[in-house]
């Protein structure tokens, strides 16, 4: 049976906090681009769709996207 290697904190990669924050901001930006496209497409489908159930689901999706956009804006404000 193999045993786990002892935890040696000196082997850990050291990433400056500012680099980690910059990476998260860039990731957030990339996600927002794709989610913005989803939001636009869902708005279009909502206009074309006639069933009440589908419109309700699209509205729910758009509210979730709006919540994410609000959160992502808080990341931008911390610069």
Protein backbone atom coordinates (compact mmCIF):
# COMPACT_ATOMS: atom_id res chain seq x y z
CA UNK A 1 0.00 0.00 0.00
CA UNK A 2 1.38 3.37 -0.99
CA UNK A 3 1.52 6.08 1.61
CA UNK A 4 0.91 9.74 0.95
CA UNK A 5 3.92 11.96 0.76
CA UNK A 6 4.37 14.12 3.84
CA UNK A 7 3.00 17.61 3.51
CA UNK A 8 5.91 19.96 2.99
CA UNK A 9 4.79 23.55 2.70
CA UNK A 10 8.11 24.61 1.19
CA UNK A 11 7.17 22.64 -1.96
CA UNK A 12 4.02 24.70 -2.53
CA UNK A 13 3.96 27.18 -5.38
CA UNK A 14 3.98 30.75 -4.20
CA UNK A 15 1.65 32.95 -6.23
CA UNK A 16 1.46 36.62 -5.30
CA UNK A 17 -2.02 37.65 -4.18
CA UNK A 18 -2.18 40.39 -6.83
CA UNK A 19 -1.58 37.81 -9.58
CA UNK A 20 -4.33 35.58 -8.23
CA UNK A 21 -6.77 38.50 -8.12
CA UNK A 22 -5.80 39.53 -11.66
CA UNK A 23 -6.42 35.96 -12.85
CA UNK A 24 -9.86 35.85 -11.19
CA UNK A 25 -10.80 39.21 -12.74
CA UNK A 26 -9.79 37.99 -16.21
CA UNK A 27 -11.72 34.76 -15.72
CA UNK A 28 -14.75 36.77 -14.61
CA UNK A 29 -14.46 38.93 -17.72
CA UNK A 30 -14.28 35.89 -20.00
CA UNK A 31 -17.32 34.31 -18.32
CA UNK A 32 -19.30 37.53 -18.63
CA UNK A 33 -18.74 37.61 -22.40
CA UNK A 34 -20.31 34.17 -22.82
CA UNK A 35 -23.05 34.82 -20.30
CA UNK A 36 -23.91 38.10 -22.00
CA UNK A 37 -24.41 36.17 -25.24
CA UNK A 38 -26.71 33.75 -23.40
CA UNK A 39 -28.67 36.69 -21.98
CA UNK A 40 -29.12 38.23 -25.43
CA UNK A 41 -30.21 34.93 -26.96
CA UNK A 42 -32.64 34.25 -24.14
CA UNK A 43 -34.18 37.70 -24.61
CA UNK A 44 -34.67 36.93 -28.30
CA UNK A 45 -36.18 33.50 -27.60
CA UNK A 46 -38.47 35.02 -24.99
CA UNK A 47 -39.84 37.40 -27.61
CA UNK A 48 -40.43 34.54 -30.09
CA UNK A 49 -41.75 31.92 -27.68
CA UNK A 50 -45.49 31.70 -27.07
CA UNK A 51 -45.86 29.27 -24.16
CA UNK A 52 -46.16 30.67 -20.67
CA UNK A 53 -44.03 27.90 -19.14
CA UNK A 54 -41.10 28.50 -21.48
CA UNK A 55 -41.27 32.25 -20.95
CA UNK A 56 -41.22 31.68 -17.19
CA UNK A 57 -38.12 29.49 -17.47
CA UNK A 58 -36.37 32.04 -19.67
CA UNK A 59 -37.21 34.79 -17.18
CA UNK A 60 -35.77 32.63 -14.39
CA UNK A 61 -32.58 32.12 -16.42
CA UNK A 62 -32.29 35.86 -17.06
CA UNK A 63 -32.68 36.60 -13.34
CA UNK A 64 -29.88 34.16 -12.52
CA UNK A 65 -27.67 35.79 -15.14
CA UNK A 66 -28.48 39.21 -13.73
CA UNK A 67 -27.39 38.02 -10.28
CA UNK A 68 -24.08 36.83 -11.67
CA UNK A 69 -23.53 40.10 -13.53
CA UNK A 70 -24.14 42.03 -10.32
CA UNK A 71 -21.60 39.86 -8.51
CA UNK A 72 -19.06 40.25 -11.32
CA UNK A 73 -19.43 44.03 -11.14
CA UNK A 74 -18.32 43.89 -7.50
CA UNK A 75 -15.08 42.26 -8.66
CA UNK A 76 -14.47 45.16 -11.05
CA UNK A 77 -15.06 47.71 -8.29
CA UNK A 78 -12.27 46.24 -6.15
CA UNK A 79 -9.53 47.36 -8.57
